[in-house]
Amino acid sequence: VTAGMMIAILALIQPLLHWIDRPIYEEHIVLLYWALGV
């Protein structure tokens, strides 16, 4: 379940960020990667 969720998040994050068009989220994408580690 953890691996599946991580794969889904990593696969969908870029299209989602493009869709919401908020550059601040892309600037801080590294926080997402750390959150996935947590």
PDB file of all heavy atoms in Angstrom:
ATOM      1  N   VAL A   1       0.841  -1.206   0.000  1.00  0.00           N
ATOM      2  CA  VAL A   1       0.000   0.000   0.000  1.00  0.00           C
ATOM      3  C   VAL A   1       0.875   1.255   0.000  1.00  0.00           C
ATOM      4  O   VAL A   1       0.614   2.208  -0.750  1.00  0.00           O
ATOM      5  CB  VAL A   1      -0.979   0.003   1.197  1.00  0.00           C
ATOM      6  CG1 VAL A   1      -1.667   1.348   1.354  1.00  0.00           C
ATOM      7  CG2 VAL A   1      -2.007  -1.109   1.020  1.00  0.00           C
ATOM      8  N   THR A   2       1.922   1.261   0.816  1.00  0.00           N
ATOM      9  CA  THR A   2       2.819   2.426   0.869  1.00  0.00           C
ATOM     10  C   THR A   2       3.501   2.639  -0.477  1.00  0.00           C
ATOM     11  O   THR A   2       3.542   3.764  -0.989  1.00  0.00           O
ATOM     12  CB  THR A   2       3.866   2.253   1.989  1.00  0.00           C
ATOM     13  OG1 THR A   2       3.180   2.093   3.235  1.00  0.00           O
ATOM     14  CG2 THR A   2       4.786   3.457   2.077  1.00  0.00           C
ATOM     15  N   ALA A   3       4.041   1.582  -1.049  1.00  0.00           N
ATOM     16  CA  ALA A   3       4.699   1.700  -2.356  1.00  0.00           C
ATOM     17  C   ALA A   3       3.714   2.152  -3.427  1.00  0.00           C
ATOM     18  O   ALA A   3       4.035   3.027  -4.247  1.00  0.00           O
ATOM     19  CB  ALA A   3       5.336   0.368  -2.746  1.00  0.00           C
ATOM     20  N   GLY A   4       2.521   1.585  -3.412  1.00  0.00           N
ATOM     21  CA  GLY A   4       1.500   1.982  -4.388  1.00  0.00           C
ATOM     22  C   GLY A   4       1.125   3.453  -4.265  1.00  0.00           C
ATOM     23  O   GLY A   4       1.010   4.161  -5.275  1.00  0.00           O
ATOM     24  N   MET A   5       0.942   3.902  -3.030  1.00  0.00           N
ATOM     25  CA  MET A   5       0.614   5.313  -2.826  1.00  0.00           C
ATOM     26  C   MET A   5       1.757   6.219  -3.269  1.00  0.00           C
ATOM     27  O   MET A   5       1.526   7.254  -3.902  1.00  0.00           O
ATOM     28  CB  MET A   5       0.275   5.569  -1.355  1.00  0.00           C
ATOM     29  CG  MET A   5      -1.059   4.971  -0.935  1.00  0.00           C
ATOM     30  SD  MET A   5      -1.398   5.195   0.820  1.00  0.00           S
ATOM     31  CE  MET A   5      -1.494   6.968   0.935  1.00  0.00           C
ATOM     32  N   MET A   6       2.977   5.830  -2.948  1.00  0.00           N
ATOM     33  CA  MET A   6       4.126   6.649  -3.338  1.00  0.00           C
ATOM     34  C   MET A   6       4.254   6.729  -4.858  1.00  0.00           C
ATOM     35  O   MET A   6       4.497   7.808  -5.398  1.00  0.00           O
ATOM     36  CB  MET A   6       5.408   6.104  -2.704  1.00  0.00           C
ATOM     37  CG  MET A   6       5.445   6.282  -1.195  1.00  0.00           C
ATOM     38  SD  MET A   6       6.882   5.524  -0.429  1.00  0.00           S
ATOM     39  CE  MET A   6       8.113   6.780  -0.767  1.00  0.00           C
ATOM     40  N   ILE A   7       4.079   5.608  -5.521  1.00  0.00           N
ATOM     41  CA  ILE A   7       4.162   5.585  -6.986  1.00  0.00           C
ATOM     42  C   ILE A   7       3.061   6.463  -7.593  1.00  0.00           C
ATOM     43  O   ILE A   7       3.313   7.254  -8.506  1.00  0.00           O
ATOM     44  CB  ILE A   7       4.101   4.144  -7.515  1.00  0.00           C
ATOM     45  CG1 ILE A   7       5.391   3.409  -7.145  1.00  0.00           C
ATOM     46  CG2 ILE A   7       3.851   4.109  -9.017  1.00  0.00           C
ATOM     47  CD1 ILE A   7       5.329   1.898  -7.327  1.00  0.00           C
ATOM     48  N   ALA A   8       1.852   6.330  -7.068  1.00  0.00           N
ATOM     49  CA  ALA A   8       0.737   7.135  -7.580  1.00  0.00           C
ATOM     50  C   ALA A   8       0.996   8.635  -7.364  1.00  0.00           C
ATOM     51  O   ALA A   8       0.776   9.443  -8.278  1.00  0.00           O
ATOM     52  CB  ALA A   8      -0.568   6.726  -6.897  1.00  0.00           C
ATOM     53  N   ILE A   9       1.463   8.987  -6.189  1.00  0.00           N
ATOM     54  CA  ILE A   9       1.748  10.400  -5.894  1.00  0.00           C
ATOM     55  C   ILE A   9       2.833  10.933  -6.821  1.00  0.00           C
ATOM     56  O   ILE A   9       2.695  12.017  -7.396  1.00  0.00           O
ATOM     57  CB  ILE A   9       2.122  10.580  -4.416  1.00  0.00           C
ATOM     58  CG1 ILE A   9       0.880  10.358  -3.535  1.00  0.00           C
ATOM     59  CG2 ILE A   9       2.733  11.952  -4.159  1.00  0.00           C
ATOM     60  CD1 ILE A   9       1.182  10.207  -2.058  1.00  0.00           C
ATOM     61  N   LEU A  10       3.905  10.169  -6.975  1.00  0.00           N
ATOM     62  CA  LEU A  10       5.003  10.611  -7.837  1.00  0.00           C
ATOM     63  C   LEU A  10       4.573  10.700  -9.298  1.00  0.00           C
ATOM     64  O   LEU A  10       5.024  11.588 -10.027  1.00  0.00           O
ATOM     65  CB  LEU A  10       6.211   9.687  -7.677  1.00  0.00           C
ATOM     66  CG  LEU A  10       6.908   9.776  -6.320  1.00  0.00           C
ATOM     67  CD1 LEU A  10       7.944   8.672  -6.188  1.00  0.00           C
ATOM     68  CD2 LEU A  10       7.529  11.155  -6.102  1.00  0.00           C
ATOM     69  N   ALA A  11       3.702   9.808  -9.710  1.00  0.00           N
ATOM     70  CA  ALA A  11       3.226   9.827 -11.100  1.00  0.00           C
ATOM     71  C   ALA A  11       2.273  10.987 -11.358  1.00  0.00           C
ATOM     72  O   ALA A  11       2.254  11.546 -12.454  1.00  0.00           O
ATOM     73  CB  ALA A  11       2.543   8.504 -11.446  1.00  0.00           C
ATOM     74  N   LEU A  12       1.494  11.352 -10.358  1.00  0.00           N
ATOM     75  CA  LEU A  12       0.450  12.358 -10.558  1.00  0.00           C
ATOM     76  C   LEU A  12       0.831  13.778 -10.134  1.00  0.00           C
ATOM     77  O   LEU A  12       0.130  14.724 -10.497  1.00  0.00           O
ATOM     78  CB  LEU A  12      -0.820  11.939  -9.794  1.00  0.00           C
ATOM     79  CG  LEU A  12      -1.466  10.646 -10.267  1.00  0.00           C
ATOM     80  CD1 LEU A  12      -2.597  10.250  -9.333  1.00  0.00           C
ATOM     81  CD2 LEU A  12      -1.962  10.791 -11.697  1.00  0.00           C
ATOM     82  N   ILE A  13       1.917  13.935  -9.410  1.00  0.00           N
ATOM     83  CA  ILE A  13       2.219  15.261  -8.849  1.00  0.00           C
ATOM     84  C   ILE A  13       2.482  16.307  -9.928  1.00  0.00           C
ATOM     85  O   ILE A  13       1.987  17.434  -9.835  1.00  0.00           O
ATOM     86  CB  ILE A  13       3.360  15.205  -7.809  1.00  0.00           C
ATOM     87  CG1 ILE A  13       3.476  16.545  -7.069  1.00  0.00           C
ATOM     88  CG2 ILE A  13       4.688  14.835  -8.446  1.00  0.00           C
ATOM     89  CD1 ILE A  13       2.250  16.972  -6.316  1.00  0.00           C
ATOM     90  N   GLN A  14       3.252  15.985 -10.939  1.00  0.00           N
ATOM     91  CA  GLN A  14       3.561  16.988 -11.961  1.00  0.00           C
ATOM     92  C   GLN A  14       2.317  17.420 -12.746  1.00  0.00           C
ATOM     93  O   GLN A  14       2.097  18.619 -12.916  1.00  0.00           O
ATOM     94  CB  GLN A  14       4.678  16.502 -12.887  1.00  0.00           C
ATOM     95  CG  GLN A  14       6.047  16.473 -12.220  1.00  0.00           C
ATOM     96  CD  GLN A  14       6.456  17.825 -11.639  1.00  0.00           C
ATOM     97  OE1 GLN A  14       6.158  18.892 -12.167  1.00  0.00           O
ATOM     98  NE2 GLN A  14       7.163  17.779 -10.513  1.00  0.00           N
ATOM     99  N   PRO A  15       1.493  16.481 -13.231  1.00  0.00           N
ATOM    100  CA  PRO A  15       0.258  16.924 -13.897  1.00  0.00           C
ATOM    101  C   PRO A  15      -0.652  17.734 -12.969  1.00  0.00           C
ATOM    102  O   PRO A  15      -1.259  18.716 -13.396  1.00  0.00           O
ATOM    103  CB  PRO A  15      -0.426  15.610 -14.308  1.00  0.00           C
ATOM    104  CG  PRO A  15       0.654  14.605 -14.346  1.00  0.00           C
ATOM    105  CD  PRO A  15       1.668  15.027 -13.335  1.00  0.00           C
ATOM    106  N   LEU A  16      -0.715  17.341 -11.711  1.00  0.00           N
ATOM    107  CA  LEU A  16      -1.542  18.072 -10.755  1.00  0.00           C
ATOM    108  C   LEU A  16      -1.004  19.487 -10.532  1.00  0.00           C
ATOM    109  O   LEU A  16      -1.773  20.462 -10.532  1.00  0.00           O
ATOM    110  CB  LEU A  16      -1.612  17.322  -9.421  1.00  0.00           C
ATOM    111  CG  LEU A  16      -2.441  17.969  -8.328  1.00  0.00           C
ATOM    112  CD1 LEU A  16      -3.899  18.070  -8.741  1.00  0.00           C
ATOM    113  CD2 LEU A  16      -2.306  17.183  -7.032  1.00  0.00           C
ATOM    114  N   LEU A  17       0.297  19.613 -10.380  1.00  0.00           N
ATOM    115  CA  LEU A  17       0.894  20.938 -10.196  1.00  0.00           C
ATOM    116  C   LEU A  17       0.688  21.815 -11.422  1.00  0.00           C
ATOM    117  O   LEU A  17       0.443  23.017 -11.301  1.00  0.00           O
ATOM    118  CB  LEU A  17       2.389  20.815  -9.866  1.00  0.00           C
ATOM    119  CG  LEU A  17       2.720  20.248  -8.490  1.00  0.00           C
ATOM    120  CD1 LEU A  17       4.224  20.109  -8.331  1.00  0.00           C
ATOM    121  CD2 LEU A  17       2.125  21.093  -7.379  1.00  0.00           C
ATOM    122  N   HIS A  18       0.794  21.217 -12.581  1.00  0.00           N
ATOM    123  CA  HIS A  18       0.552  21.957 -13.822  1.00  0.00           C
ATOM    124  C   HIS A  18      -0.910  22.432 -13.881  1.00  0.00           C
ATOM    125  O   HIS A  18      -1.199  23.567 -14.271  1.00  0.00           O
ATOM    126  CB  HIS A  18       0.891  21.087 -15.034  1.00  0.00           C
ATOM    127  CG  HIS A  18       0.650  21.771 -16.329  1.00  0.00           C
ATOM    128  ND1 HIS A  18       1.465  22.780 -16.800  1.00  0.00           N
ATOM    129  CD2 HIS A  18      -0.328  21.599 -17.260  1.00  0.00           C
ATOM    130  CE1 HIS A  18       0.987  23.206 -17.956  1.00  0.00           C
ATOM    131  NE2 HIS A  18      -0.096  22.503 -18.260  1.00  0.00           N
ATOM    132  N   TRP A  19      -1.814  21.580 -13.480  1.00  0.00           N
ATOM    133  CA  TRP A  19      -3.241  21.884 -13.524  1.00  0.00           C
ATOM    134  C   TRP A  19      -3.619  23.004 -12.556  1.00  0.00           C
ATOM    135  O   TRP A  19      -4.371  23.904 -12.913  1.00  0.00           O
ATOM    136  CB  TRP A  19      -4.037  20.617 -13.225  1.00  0.00           C
ATOM    137  CG  TRP A  19      -5.516  20.800 -13.252  1.00  0.00           C
ATOM    138  CD1 TRP A  19      -6.289  21.151 -14.318  1.00  0.00           C
ATOM    139  CD2 TRP A  19      -6.406  20.634 -12.152  1.00  0.00           C
ATOM    140  NE1 TRP A  19      -7.609  21.217 -13.941  1.00  0.00           N
ATOM    141  CE2 TRP A  19      -7.708  20.901 -12.616  1.00  0.00           C
ATOM    142  CE3 TRP A  19      -6.230  20.280 -10.814  1.00  0.00           C
ATOM    143  CZ2 TRP A  19      -8.823  20.824 -11.788  1.00  0.00           C
ATOM    144  CZ3 TRP A  19      -7.343  20.194 -10.009  1.00  0.00           C
ATOM    145  CH2 TRP A  19      -8.621  20.480 -10.500  1.00  0.00           C
ATOM    146  N   ILE A  20      -3.084  22.977 -11.324  1.00  0.00           N
ATOM    147  CA  ILE A  20      -3.459  24.022 -10.356  1.00  0.00           C
ATOM    148  C   ILE A  20      -2.687  25.316 -10.586  1.00  0.00           C
ATOM    149  O   ILE A  20      -3.090  26.354 -10.083  1.00  0.00           O
ATOM    150  CB  ILE A  20      -3.317  23.548  -8.893  1.00  0.00           C
ATOM    151  CG1 ILE A  20      -1.878  23.188  -8.557  1.00  0.00           C
ATOM    152  CG2 ILE A  20      -4.264  22.413  -8.600  1.00  0.00           C
ATOM    153  CD1 ILE A  20      -1.661  22.872  -7.103  1.00  0.00           C
ATOM    154  N   ASP A  21      -1.579  25.218 -11.306  1.00  0.00           N
ATOM    155  CA  ASP A  21      -0.810  26.400 -11.710  1.00  0.00           C
ATOM    156  C   ASP A  21      -0.457  27.322 -10.543  1.00  0.00           C
ATOM    157  O   ASP A  21      -0.766  28.515 -10.552  1.00  0.00           O
ATOM    158  CB  ASP A  21      -1.577  27.170 -12.802  1.00  0.00           C
ATOM    159  CG  ASP A  21      -0.689  28.197 -13.498  1.00  0.00           C
ATOM    160  OD1 ASP A  21       0.529  27.957 -13.568  1.00  0.00           O
ATOM    161  OD2 ASP A  21      -1.229  29.227 -13.954  1.00  0.00           O
ATOM    162  N   ARG A  22       0.178  26.759  -9.538  1.00  0.00           N
ATOM    163  CA  ARG A  22       0.687  27.514  -8.401  1.00  0.00           C
ATOM    164  C   ARG A  22       2.195  27.278  -8.315  1.00  0.00           C
ATOM    165  O   ARG A  22       2.636  26.277  -7.755  1.00  0.00           O
ATOM    166  CB  ARG A  22       0.024  27.075  -7.094  1.00  0.00           C
ATOM    167  CG  ARG A  22      -1.456  27.326  -7.020  1.00  0.00           C
ATOM    168  CD  ARG A  22      -1.713  28.767  -6.551  1.00  0.00           C
ATOM    169  NE  ARG A  22      -3.089  29.129  -6.626  1.00  0.00           N
ATOM    170  CZ  ARG A  22      -3.939  29.067  -5.624  1.00  0.00           C
ATOM    171  NH1 ARG A  22      -3.542  28.650  -4.450  1.00  0.00           N
ATOM    172  NH2 ARG A  22      -5.184  29.444  -5.794  1.00  0.00           N
ATOM    173  N   PRO A  23       2.997  28.177  -8.836  1.00  0.00           N
ATOM    174  CA  PRO A  23       4.449  27.972  -8.873  1.00  0.00           C
ATOM    175  C   PRO A  23       5.083  27.721  -7.499  1.00  0.00           C
ATOM    176  O   PRO A  23       6.093  27.031  -7.403  1.00  0.00           O
ATOM    177  CB  PRO A  23       4.986  29.268  -9.481  1.00  0.00           C
ATOM    178  CG  PRO A  23       3.830  29.860 -10.211  1.00  0.00           C
ATOM    179  CD  PRO A  23       2.596  29.412  -9.495  1.00  0.00           C
ATOM    180  N   ILE A  24       4.488  28.246  -6.454  1.00  0.00           N
ATOM    181  CA  ILE A  24       5.061  28.067  -5.109  1.00  0.00           C
ATOM    182  C   ILE A  24       5.139  26.591  -4.729  1.00  0.00           C
ATOM    183  O   ILE A  24       6.074  26.157  -4.070  1.00  0.00           O
ATOM    184  CB  ILE A  24       4.278  28.868  -4.041  1.00  0.00           C
ATOM    185  CG1 ILE A  24       5.009  28.831  -2.694  1.00  0.00           C
ATOM    186  CG2 ILE A  24       2.890  28.343  -3.848  1.00  0.00           C
ATOM    187  CD1 ILE A  24       5.690  30.093  -2.365  1.00  0.00           C
ATOM    188  N   TYR A  25       4.151  25.801  -5.193  1.00  0.00           N
ATOM    189  CA  TYR A  25       4.170  24.373  -4.890  1.00  0.00           C
ATOM    190  C   TYR A  25       5.325  23.681  -5.613  1.00  0.00           C
ATOM    191  O   TYR A  25       5.971  22.810  -5.051  1.00  0.00           O
ATOM    192  CB  TYR A  25       2.840  23.721  -5.256  1.00  0.00           C
ATOM    193  CG  TYR A  25       1.685  24.167  -4.404  1.00  0.00           C
ATOM    194  CD1 TYR A  25       0.470  24.511  -4.983  1.00  0.00           C
ATOM    195  CD2 TYR A  25       1.785  24.252  -3.023  1.00  0.00           C
ATOM    196  CE1 TYR A  25      -0.609  24.925  -4.205  1.00  0.00           C
ATOM    197  CE2 TYR A  25       0.727  24.657  -2.234  1.00  0.00           C
ATOM    198  CZ  TYR A  25      -0.464  24.996  -2.836  1.00  0.00           C
ATOM    199  OH  TYR A  25      -1.522  25.386  -2.069  1.00  0.00           O
ATOM    200  N   GLU A  26       5.549  24.066  -6.835  1.00  0.00           N
ATOM    201  CA  GLU A  26       6.662  23.476  -7.585  1.00  0.00           C
ATOM    202  C   GLU A  26       8.006  23.885  -6.985  1.00  0.00           C
ATOM    203  O   GLU A  26       8.950  23.099  -6.975  1.00  0.00           O
ATOM    204  CB  GLU A  26       6.583  23.874  -9.064  1.00  0.00           C
ATOM    205  CG  GLU A  26       5.451  23.162  -9.773  1.00  0.00           C
ATOM    206  CD  GLU A  26       5.478  23.375 -11.263  1.00  0.00           C
ATOM    207  OE1 GLU A  26       6.546  23.143 -11.869  1.00  0.00           O
ATOM    208  OE2 GLU A  26       4.429  23.765 -11.811  1.00  0.00           O
ATOM    209  N   GLU A  27       8.072  25.108  -6.478  1.00  0.00           N
ATOM    210  CA  GLU A  27       9.311  25.581  -5.852  1.00  0.00           C
ATOM    211  C   GLU A  27       9.661  24.776  -4.604  1.00  0.00           C
ATOM    212  O   GLU A  27      10.830  24.650  -4.254  1.00  0.00           O
ATOM    213  CB  GLU A  27       9.178  27.061  -5.476  1.00  0.00           C
ATOM    214  CG  GLU A  27       9.134  27.999  -6.648  1.00  0.00           C
ATOM    215  CD  GLU A  27       8.805  29.433  -6.228  1.00  0.00           C
ATOM    216  OE1 GLU A  27       9.114  29.800  -5.076  1.00  0.00           O
ATOM    217  OE2 GLU A  27       8.224  30.157  -7.057  1.00  0.00           O
ATOM    218  N   HIS A  28       8.649  24.260  -3.949  1.00  0.00           N
ATOM    219  CA  HIS A  28       8.870  23.523  -2.702  1.00  0.00           C
ATOM    220  C   HIS A  28       8.552  22.037  -2.829  1.00  0.00           C
ATOM    221  O   HIS A  28       8.239  21.378  -1.841  1.00  0.00           O
ATOM    222  CB  HIS A  28       8.029  24.153  -1.577  1.00  0.00           C
ATOM    223  CG  HIS A  28       8.430  25.548  -1.260  1.00  0.00           C
ATOM    224  ND1 HIS A  28       9.600  25.848  -0.604  1.00  0.00           N
ATOM    225  CD2 HIS A  28       7.823  26.733  -1.529  1.00  0.00           C
ATOM    226  CE1 HIS A  28       9.705  27.150  -0.479  1.00  0.00           C
ATOM    227  NE2 HIS A  28       8.640  27.714  -1.039  1.00  0.00           N
ATOM    228  N   ILE A  29       8.702  21.497  -4.017  1.00  0.00           N
ATOM    229  CA  ILE A  29       8.394  20.088  -4.275  1.00  0.00           C
ATOM    230  C   ILE A  29       9.252  19.157  -3.412  1.00  0.00           C
ATOM    231  O   ILE A  29       8.830  18.057  -3.076  1.00  0.00           O
ATOM    232  CB  ILE A  29       8.538  19.744  -5.781  1.00  0.00           C
ATOM    233  CG1 ILE A  29       7.956  18.351  -6.085  1.00  0.00           C
ATOM    234  CG2 ILE A  29       9.988  19.784  -6.216  1.00  0.00           C
ATOM    235  CD1 ILE A  29       6.477  18.339  -6.154  1.00  0.00           C
ATOM    236  N   VAL A  30      10.423  19.614  -3.031  1.00  0.00           N
ATOM    237  CA  VAL A  30      11.303  18.792  -2.194  1.00  0.00           C
ATOM    238  C   VAL A  30      10.611  18.413  -0.879  1.00  0.00           C
ATOM    239  O   VAL A  30      10.862  17.338  -0.331  1.00  0.00           O
ATOM    240  CB  VAL A  30      12.660  19.499  -1.938  1.00  0.00           C
ATOM    241  CG1 VAL A  30      12.498  20.710  -1.038  1.00  0.00           C
ATOM    242  CG2 VAL A  30      13.669  18.527  -1.355  1.00  0.00           C
ATOM    243  N   LEU A  31       9.714  19.253  -0.398  1.00  0.00           N
ATOM    244  CA  LEU A  31       8.985  18.933   0.833  1.00  0.00           C
ATOM    245  C   LEU A  31       8.109  17.696   0.638  1.00  0.00           C
ATOM    246  O   LEU A  31       7.946  16.892   1.560  1.00  0.00           O
ATOM    247  CB  LEU A  31       8.141  20.122   1.292  1.00  0.00           C
ATOM    248  CG  LEU A  31       8.931  21.378   1.691  1.00  0.00           C
ATOM    249  CD1 LEU A  31       7.978  22.527   1.974  1.00  0.00           C
ATOM    250  CD2 LEU A  31       9.834  21.099   2.870  1.00  0.00           C
ATOM    251  N   LEU A  32       7.560  17.540  -0.547  1.00  0.00           N
ATOM    252  CA  LEU A  32       6.757  16.354  -0.841  1.00  0.00           C
ATOM    253  C   LEU A  32       7.615  15.096  -0.754  1.00  0.00           C
ATOM    254  O   LEU A  32       7.187  14.088  -0.180  1.00  0.00           O
ATOM    255  CB  LEU A  32       6.124  16.450  -2.227  1.00  0.00           C
ATOM    256  CG  LEU A  32       5.412  15.181  -2.693  1.00  0.00           C
ATOM    257  CD1 LEU A  32       4.178  14.908  -1.840  1.00  0.00           C
ATOM    258  CD2 LEU A  32       5.059  15.275  -4.159  1.00  0.00           C
ATOM    259  N   TYR A  33       8.812  15.145  -1.304  1.00  0.00           N
ATOM    260  CA  TYR A  33       9.679  13.974  -1.291  1.00  0.00           C
ATOM    261  C   TYR A  33      10.034  13.571   0.137  1.00  0.00           C
ATOM    262  O   TYR A  33      10.056  12.386   0.479  1.00  0.00           O
ATOM    263  CB  TYR A  33      10.921  14.207  -2.140  1.00  0.00           C
ATOM    264  CG  TYR A  33      10.588  14.562  -3.571  1.00  0.00           C
ATOM    265  CD1 TYR A  33      11.243  15.590  -4.227  1.00  0.00           C
ATOM    266  CD2 TYR A  33       9.590  13.880  -4.268  1.00  0.00           C
ATOM    267  CE1 TYR A  33      10.930  15.924  -5.531  1.00  0.00           C
ATOM    268  CE2 TYR A  33       9.263  14.211  -5.573  1.00  0.00           C
ATOM    269  CZ  TYR A  33       9.941  15.223  -6.198  1.00  0.00           C
ATOM    270  OH  TYR A  33       9.614  15.556  -7.489  1.00  0.00           O
ATOM    271  N   TRP A  34      10.310  14.557   0.980  1.00  0.00           N
ATOM    272  CA  TRP A  34      10.583  14.262   2.386  1.00  0.00           C
ATOM    273  C   TRP A  34       9.332  13.709   3.070  1.00  0.00           C
ATOM    274  O   TRP A  34       9.422  12.794   3.897  1.00  0.00           O
ATOM    275  CB  TRP A  34      11.099  15.491   3.117  1.00  0.00           C
ATOM    276  CG  TRP A  34      12.544  15.755   2.822  1.00  0.00           C
ATOM    277  CD1 TRP A  34      13.049  16.703   1.987  1.00  0.00           C
ATOM    278  CD2 TRP A  34      13.668  15.041   3.333  1.00  0.00           C
ATOM    279  NE1 TRP A  34      14.429  16.610   1.959  1.00  0.00           N
ATOM    280  CE2 TRP A  34      14.821  15.607   2.776  1.00  0.00           C
ATOM    281  CE3 TRP A  34      13.804  13.965   4.221  1.00  0.00           C
ATOM    282  CZ2 TRP A  34      16.105  15.140   3.074  1.00  0.00           C
ATOM    283  CZ3 TRP A  34      15.080  13.507   4.521  1.00  0.00           C
ATOM    284  CH2 TRP A  34      16.210  14.088   3.951  1.00  0.00           C
ATOM    285  N   ALA A  35       8.171  14.243   2.731  1.00  0.00           N
ATOM    286  CA  ALA A  35       6.921  13.746   3.316  1.00  0.00           C
ATOM    287  C   ALA A  35       6.683  12.282   2.917  1.00  0.00           C
ATOM    288  O   ALA A  35       6.197  11.482   3.735  1.00  0.00           O
ATOM    289  CB  ALA A  35       5.740  14.614   2.887  1.00  0.00           C
ATOM    290  N   LEU A  36       7.036  11.922   1.712  1.00  0.00           N
ATOM    291  CA  LEU A  36       6.912  10.529   1.288  1.00  0.00           C
ATOM    292  C   LEU A  36       7.860   9.636   2.089  1.00  0.00           C
ATOM    293  O   LEU A  36       7.509   8.507   2.451  1.00  0.00           O
ATOM    294  CB  LEU A  36       7.180  10.391  -0.208  1.00  0.00           C
ATOM    295  CG  LEU A  36       6.139  11.029  -1.126  1.00  0.00           C
ATOM    296  CD1 LEU A  36       6.582  10.936  -2.584  1.00  0.00           C
ATOM    297  CD2 LEU A  36       4.769  10.407  -0.928  1.00  0.00           C
ATOM    298  N   GLY A  37       9.038  10.136   2.378  1.00  0.00           N
ATOM    299  CA  GLY A  37       9.971   9.397   3.238  1.00  0.00           C
ATOM    300  C   GLY A  37       9.408   9.187   4.627  1.00  0.00           C
ATOM    301  O   GLY A  37       9.511   8.089   5.196  1.00  0.00           O
ATOM    302  N   VAL A  38       8.788  10.228   5.163  1.00  0.00           N
ATOM    303  CA  VAL A  38       8.144  10.118   6.475  1.00  0.00           C
ATOM    304  C   VAL A  38       7.048   9.060   6.427  1.00  0.00           C
ATOM    305  O   VAL A  38       6.937   8.214   7.329  1.00  0.00           O
ATOM    306  CB  VAL A  38       7.566  11.482   6.929  1.00  0.00           C
ATOM    307  CG1 VAL A  38       6.673  11.317   8.145  1.00  0.00           C
ATOM    308  CG2 VAL A  38       8.682  12.472   7.215  1.00  0.00           C
TER     309      VAL A  38
END
